[in-house]
PDB file of N, CA and C in Angstrom:
ATOM      1  N   MET A   1      63.697 -42.021  76.807  1.00  0.00           N
ATOM      2  CA  MET A   1      62.251 -42.077  76.754  1.00  0.00           C
ATOM      3  C   MET A   1      61.739 -42.435  78.142  1.00  0.00           C
ATOM      4  N   ARG A   2      60.734 -41.781  78.558  1.00  0.00           N
ATOM      5  CA  ARG A   2      60.160 -42.062  79.876  1.00  0.00           C
ATOM      6  C   ARG A   2      59.375 -43.364  79.858  1.00  0.00           C
ATOM      7  N   THR A   3      59.287 -43.968  81.023  1.00  0.00           N
ATOM      8  CA  THR A   3      58.601 -45.246  81.148  1.00  0.00           C
ATOM      9  C   THR A   3      57.167 -45.179  80.653  1.00  0.00           C
ATOM     10  N   MET A   4      56.412 -44.183  81.068  1.00  0.00           N
ATOM     11  CA  MET A   4      55.001 -44.100  80.675  1.00  0.00           C
ATOM     12  C   MET A   4      54.856 -43.909  79.169  1.00  0.00           C
ATOM     13  N   GLU A   5      55.763 -43.171  78.558  1.00  0.00           N
ATOM     14  CA  GLU A   5      55.719 -42.976  77.111  1.00  0.00           C
ATOM     15  C   GLU A   5      55.955 -44.311  76.396  1.00  0.00           C
ATOM     16  N   LEU A   6      56.911 -45.078  76.886  1.00  0.00           N
ATOM     17  CA  LEU A   6      57.183 -46.383  76.306  1.00  0.00           C
ATOM     18  C   LEU A   6      55.986 -47.310  76.487  1.00  0.00           C
ATOM     19  N   ILE A   7      55.389 -47.307  77.661  1.00  0.00           N
ATOM     20  CA  ILE A   7      54.202 -48.129  77.912  1.00  0.00           C
ATOM     21  C   ILE A   7      53.091 -47.757  76.948  1.00  0.00           C
ATOM     22  N   ASP A   8      52.840 -46.473  76.764  1.00  0.00           N
ATOM     23  CA  ASP A   8      51.794 -46.022  75.839  1.00  0.00           C
ATOM     24  C   ASP A   8      52.054 -46.516  74.422  1.00  0.00           C
ATOM     25  N   LYS A   9      53.296 -46.446  73.980  1.00  0.00           N
ATOM     26  CA  LYS A   9      53.631 -46.876  72.620  1.00  0.00           C
ATOM     27  C   LYS A   9      53.475 -48.389  72.459  1.00  0.00           C
ATOM     28  N   ILE A  10      53.861 -49.144  73.474  1.00  0.00           N
ATOM     29  CA  ILE A  10      53.678 -50.595  73.403  1.00  0.00           C
ATOM     30  C   ILE A  10      52.193 -50.927  73.372  1.00  0.00           C
ATOM     31  N   LYS A  11      51.405 -50.260  74.209  1.00  0.00           N
ATOM     32  CA  LYS A  11      49.957 -50.523  74.245  1.00  0.00           C
ATOM     33  C   LYS A  11      49.287 -50.179  72.919  1.00  0.00           C
ATOM     34  N   LYS A  12      49.777 -49.157  72.223  1.00  0.00           N
ATOM     35  CA  LYS A  12      49.211 -48.814  70.911  1.00  0.00           C
ATOM     36  C   LYS A  12      49.457 -49.933  69.907  1.00  0.00           C
ATOM     37  N   LYS A  13      50.643 -50.515  69.945  1.00  0.00           N
ATOM     38  CA  LYS A  13      50.975 -51.581  68.999  1.00  0.00           C
ATOM     39  C   LYS A  13      50.389 -52.919  69.442  1.00  0.00           C
ATOM     40  N   TYR A  14      50.350 -53.154  70.742  1.00  0.00           N
ATOM     41  CA  TYR A  14      49.846 -54.403  71.304  1.00  0.00           C
ATOM     42  C   TYR A  14      48.761 -54.096  72.334  1.00  0.00           C
ATOM     43  N   PRO A  15      47.536 -53.807  71.879  1.00  0.00           N
ATOM     44  CA  PRO A  15      46.465 -53.401  72.802  1.00  0.00           C
ATOM     45  C   PRO A  15      46.156 -54.425  73.894  1.00  0.00           C
ATOM     46  N   ASP A  16      46.413 -55.705  73.642  1.00  0.00           N
ATOM     47  CA  ASP A  16      46.114 -56.745  74.628  1.00  0.00           C
ATOM     48  C   ASP A  16      47.259 -56.996  75.607  1.00  0.00           C
ATOM     49  N   ALA A  17      48.348 -56.266  75.459  1.00  0.00           N
ATOM     50  CA  ALA A  17      49.507 -56.464  76.339  1.00  0.00           C
ATOM     51  C   ALA A  17      49.157 -56.091  77.775  1.00  0.00           C
ATOM     52  N   VAL A  18      49.646 -56.889  78.701  1.00  0.00           N
ATOM     53  CA  VAL A  18      49.507 -56.585  80.120  1.00  0.00           C
ATOM     54  C   VAL A  18      50.858 -56.028  80.564  1.00  0.00           C
ATOM     55  N   ILE A  19      50.862 -54.781  81.000  1.00  0.00           N
ATOM     56  CA  ILE A  19      52.105 -54.108  81.355  1.00  0.00           C
ATOM     57  C   ILE A  19      52.051 -53.704  82.814  1.00  0.00           C
ATOM     58  N   GLU A  20      53.082 -54.068  83.549  1.00  0.00           N
ATOM     59  CA  GLU A  20      53.186 -53.690  84.953  1.00  0.00           C
ATOM     60  C   GLU A  20      54.311 -52.683  85.107  1.00  0.00           C
ATOM     61  N   ASP A  21      54.034 -51.626  85.802  1.00  0.00           N
ATOM     62  CA  ASP A  21      55.047 -50.604  86.099  1.00  0.00           C
ATOM     63  C   ASP A  21      55.349 -50.720  87.583  1.00  0.00           C
ATOM     64  N   LYS A  22      56.465 -51.358  87.907  1.00  0.00           N
ATOM     65  CA  LYS A  22      56.817 -51.606  89.304  1.00  0.00           C
ATOM     66  C   LYS A  22      57.943 -50.679  89.729  1.00  0.00           C
ATOM     67  N   ASP A  23      57.875 -50.254  90.969  1.00  0.00           N
ATOM     68  CA  ASP A  23      58.965 -49.458  91.526  1.00  0.00           C
ATOM     69  C   ASP A  23      60.151 -50.370  91.816  1.00  0.00           C
ATOM     70  N   GLY A  24      61.314 -49.883  91.460  1.00  0.00           N
ATOM     71  CA  GLY A  24      62.546 -50.610  91.738  1.00  0.00           C
ATOM     72  C   GLY A  24      63.568 -49.620  92.251  1.00  0.00           C
ATOM     73  N   PRO A  25      64.796 -50.052  92.336  1.00  0.00           N
ATOM     74  CA  PRO A  25      65.845 -49.122  92.761  1.00  0.00           C
ATOM     75  C   PRO A  25      65.888 -47.908  91.835  1.00  0.00           C
ATOM     76  N   LEU A  26      66.218 -46.770  92.381  1.00  0.00           N
ATOM     77  CA  LEU A  26      66.278 -45.540  91.604  1.00  0.00           C
ATOM     78  C   LEU A  26      67.164 -45.732  90.378  1.00  0.00           C
ATOM     79  N   GLY A  27      66.626 -45.379  89.218  1.00  0.00           N
ATOM     80  CA  GLY A  27      67.388 -45.481  87.981  1.00  0.00           C
ATOM     81  C   GLY A  27      67.321 -46.835  87.302  1.00  0.00           C
ATOM     82  N   SER A  28      66.598 -47.780  87.898  1.00  0.00           N
ATOM     83  CA  SER A  28      66.504 -49.095  87.271  1.00  0.00           C
ATOM     84  C   SER A  28      65.436 -49.079  86.182  1.00  0.00           C
ATOM     85  N   PHE A  29      65.615 -49.918  85.191  1.00  0.00           N
ATOM     86  CA  PHE A  29      64.635 -50.053  84.119  1.00  0.00           C
ATOM     87  C   PHE A  29      64.829 -51.423  83.505  1.00  0.00           C
ATOM     88  N   GLU A  30      63.789 -52.260  83.594  1.00  0.00           N
ATOM     89  CA  GLU A  30      63.844 -53.597  83.021  1.00  0.00           C
ATOM     90  C   GLU A  30      62.562 -53.871  82.260  1.00  0.00           C
ATOM     91  N   VAL A  31      62.688 -54.658  81.201  1.00  0.00           N
ATOM     92  CA  VAL A  31      61.528 -55.083  80.432  1.00  0.00           C
ATOM     93  C   VAL A  31      61.542 -56.605  80.415  1.00  0.00           C
ATOM     94  N   THR A  32      60.446 -57.182  80.886  1.00  0.00           N
ATOM     95  CA  THR A  32      60.281 -58.626  80.905  1.00  0.00           C
ATOM     96  C   THR A  32      59.059 -58.972  80.072  1.00  0.00           C
ATOM     97  N   ILE A  33      59.211 -59.939  79.175  1.00  0.00           N
ATOM     98  CA  ILE A  33      58.108 -60.354  78.320  1.00  0.00           C
ATOM     99  C   ILE A  33      57.902 -61.848  78.517  1.00  0.00           C
ATOM    100  N   ASN A  34      56.688 -62.224  78.896  1.00  0.00           N
ATOM    101  CA  ASN A  34      56.360 -63.626  79.147  1.00  0.00           C
ATOM    102  C   ASN A  34      57.380 -64.283  80.081  1.00  0.00           C
ATOM    103  N   GLY A  35      57.795 -63.541  81.093  1.00  0.00           N
ATOM    104  CA  GLY A  35      58.726 -64.068  82.078  1.00  0.00           C
ATOM    105  C   GLY A  35      60.188 -64.021  81.666  1.00  0.00           C
ATOM    106  N   ASN A  36      60.463 -63.551  80.455  1.00  0.00           N
ATOM    107  CA  ASN A  36      61.841 -63.471  79.966  1.00  0.00           C
ATOM    108  C   ASN A  36      62.346 -62.036  80.042  1.00  0.00           C
ATOM    109  N   LEU A  37      63.465 -61.836  80.714  1.00  0.00           N
ATOM    110  CA  LEU A  37      64.079 -60.516  80.783  1.00  0.00           C
ATOM    111  C   LEU A  37      64.675 -60.202  79.416  1.00  0.00           C
ATOM    112  N   VAL A  38      64.157 -59.168  78.752  1.00  0.00           N
ATOM    113  CA  VAL A  38      64.648 -58.816  77.419  1.00  0.00           C
ATOM    114  C   VAL A  38      65.445 -57.520  77.419  1.00  0.00           C
ATOM    115  N   TYR A  39      65.374 -56.770  78.504  1.00  0.00           N
ATOM    116  CA  TYR A  39      66.180 -55.554  78.598  1.00  0.00           C
ATOM    117  C   TYR A  39      66.414 -55.198  80.055  1.00  0.00           C
ATOM    118  N   SER A  40      67.636 -54.833  80.362  1.00  0.00           N
ATOM    119  CA  SER A  40      67.990 -54.374  81.701  1.00  0.00           C
ATOM    120  C   SER A  40      68.931 -53.191  81.568  1.00  0.00           C
ATOM    121  N   LYS A  41      68.516 -52.054  82.100  1.00  0.00           N
ATOM    122  CA  LYS A  41      69.382 -50.874  82.080  1.00  0.00           C
ATOM    123  C   LYS A  41      70.661 -51.152  82.857  1.00  0.00           C
ATOM    124  N   ALA A  42      70.558 -51.931  83.919  1.00  0.00           N
ATOM    125  CA  ALA A  42      71.739 -52.253  84.723  1.00  0.00           C
ATOM    126  C   ALA A  42      72.779 -53.007  83.886  1.00  0.00           C
ATOM    127  N   LYS A  43      72.318 -53.898  83.014  1.00  0.00           N
ATOM    128  CA  LYS A  43      73.238 -54.663  82.171  1.00  0.00           C
ATOM    129  C   LYS A  43      73.746 -53.842  80.993  1.00  0.00           C
ATOM    130  N   GLU A  44      72.862 -53.059  80.378  1.00  0.00           N
ATOM    131  CA  GLU A  44      73.214 -52.301  79.172  1.00  0.00           C
ATOM    132  C   GLU A  44      73.883 -50.965  79.476  1.00  0.00           C
ATOM    133  N   GLY A  45      73.589 -50.429  80.657  1.00  0.00           N
ATOM    134  CA  GLY A  45      74.187 -49.154  81.040  1.00  0.00           C
ATOM    135  C   GLY A  45      73.497 -47.932  80.469  1.00  0.00           C
ATOM    136  N   LYS A  46      72.352 -48.134  79.838  1.00  0.00           N
ATOM    137  CA  LYS A  46      71.602 -47.015  79.262  1.00  0.00           C
ATOM    138  C   LYS A  46      70.142 -47.422  79.090  1.00  0.00           C
ATOM    139  N   LEU A  47      69.296 -46.426  78.895  1.00  0.00           N
ATOM    140  CA  LEU A  47      67.898 -46.704  78.587  1.00  0.00           C
ATOM    141  C   LEU A  47      67.785 -47.115  77.125  1.00  0.00           C
ATOM    142  N   PRO A  48      66.826 -47.986  76.801  1.00  0.00           N
ATOM    143  CA  PRO A  48      66.655 -48.402  75.410  1.00  0.00           C
ATOM    144  C   PRO A  48      65.890 -47.347  74.626  1.00  0.00           C
ATOM    145  N   ASN A  49      65.945 -47.447  73.320  1.00  0.00           N
ATOM    146  CA  ASN A  49      65.041 -46.616  72.537  1.00  0.00           C
ATOM    147  C   ASN A  49      63.811 -47.450  72.207  1.00  0.00           C
ATOM    148  N   PHE A  50      62.756 -46.803  71.762  1.00  0.00           N
ATOM    149  CA  PHE A  50      61.485 -47.471  71.508  1.00  0.00           C
ATOM    150  C   PHE A  50      61.645 -48.605  70.495  1.00  0.00           C
ATOM    151  N   ASP A  51      62.375 -48.366  69.419  1.00  0.00           N
ATOM    152  CA  ASP A  51      62.520 -49.375  68.374  1.00  0.00           C
ATOM    153  C   ASP A  51      63.172 -50.652  68.899  1.00  0.00           C
ATOM    154  N   ASP A  52      64.153 -50.514  69.783  1.00  0.00           N
ATOM    155  CA  ASP A  52      64.810 -51.686  70.362  1.00  0.00           C
ATOM    156  C   ASP A  52      63.824 -52.528  71.170  1.00  0.00           C
ATOM    157  N   ILE A  53      63.019 -51.872  71.971  1.00  0.00           N
ATOM    158  CA  ILE A  53      62.050 -52.593  72.807  1.00  0.00           C
ATOM    159  C   ILE A  53      60.976 -53.237  71.945  1.00  0.00           C
ATOM    160  N   ILE A  54      60.441 -52.506  70.967  1.00  0.00           N
ATOM    161  CA  ILE A  54      59.402 -53.066  70.099  1.00  0.00           C
ATOM    162  C   ILE A  54      59.938 -54.280  69.346  1.00  0.00           C
ATOM    163  N   LYS A  55      61.175 -54.224  68.899  1.00  0.00           N
ATOM    164  CA  LYS A  55      61.782 -55.368  68.209  1.00  0.00           C
ATOM    165  C   LYS A  55      61.792 -56.585  69.127  1.00  0.00           C
ATOM    166  N   LYS A  56      62.159 -56.382  70.381  1.00  0.00           N
ATOM    167  CA  LYS A  56      62.191 -57.485  71.337  1.00  0.00           C
ATOM    168  C   LYS A  56      60.778 -57.986  71.645  1.00  0.00           C
ATOM    169  N   VAL A  57      59.815 -57.075  71.745  1.00  0.00           N
ATOM    170  CA  VAL A  57      58.419 -57.472  71.966  1.00  0.00           C
ATOM    171  C   VAL A  57      57.935 -58.289  70.773  1.00  0.00           C
ATOM    172  N   ASP A  58      58.237 -57.828  69.558  1.00  0.00           N
ATOM    173  CA  ASP A  58      57.842 -58.558  68.350  1.00  0.00           C
ATOM    174  C   ASP A  58      58.424 -59.972  68.342  1.00  0.00           C
ATOM    175  N   GLU A  59      59.703 -60.092  68.687  1.00  0.00           N
ATOM    176  CA  GLU A  59      60.360 -61.403  68.716  1.00  0.00           C
ATOM    177  C   GLU A  59      59.692 -62.337  69.718  1.00  0.00           C
ATOM    178  N   GLU A  60      59.374 -61.826  70.897  1.00  0.00           N
ATOM    179  CA  GLU A  60      58.721 -62.648  71.920  1.00  0.00           C
ATOM    180  C   GLU A  60      57.297 -63.004  71.516  1.00  0.00           C
ATOM    181  N   ALA A  61      56.596 -62.071  70.872  1.00  0.00           N
ATOM    182  CA  ALA A  61      55.218 -62.324  70.445  1.00  0.00           C
ATOM    183  C   ALA A  61      55.177 -63.449  69.410  1.00  0.00           C
ATOM    184  N   LYS A  62      56.172 -63.518  68.554  1.00  0.00           N
ATOM    185  CA  LYS A  62      56.229 -64.576  67.540  1.00  0.00           C
ATOM    186  C   LYS A  62      56.433 -65.945  68.165  1.00  0.00           C
ATOM    187  N   LYS A  63      57.090 -65.977  69.318  1.00  0.00           N
ATOM    188  CA  LYS A  63      57.326 -67.247  70.015  1.00  0.00           C
ATOM    189  C   LYS A  63      56.039 -67.810  70.603  1.00  0.00           C
ATOM    190  N   GLY A  64      55.079 -66.902  70.844  1.00  0.00           N
ATOM    191  CA  GLY A  64      53.806 -67.322  71.388  1.00  0.00           C
ATOM    192  C   GLY A  64      53.834 -67.373  72.837  1.00  0.00           C
TER     193      GLY A  64
END
């Protein structure tokens, strides 16, 4: 899934989310929520699917 597509899907579910799309090393992809790294392509070796990211966003949102 492309970064912008994932951002759009997160914004649909969480309209108040603040999402930053930063340039990094070629092929890098990380998701940080409230300062917590919840996904790193470098660590996992692959891009996440939407459901995996939304699950992590949901978990972080519950923490407040």
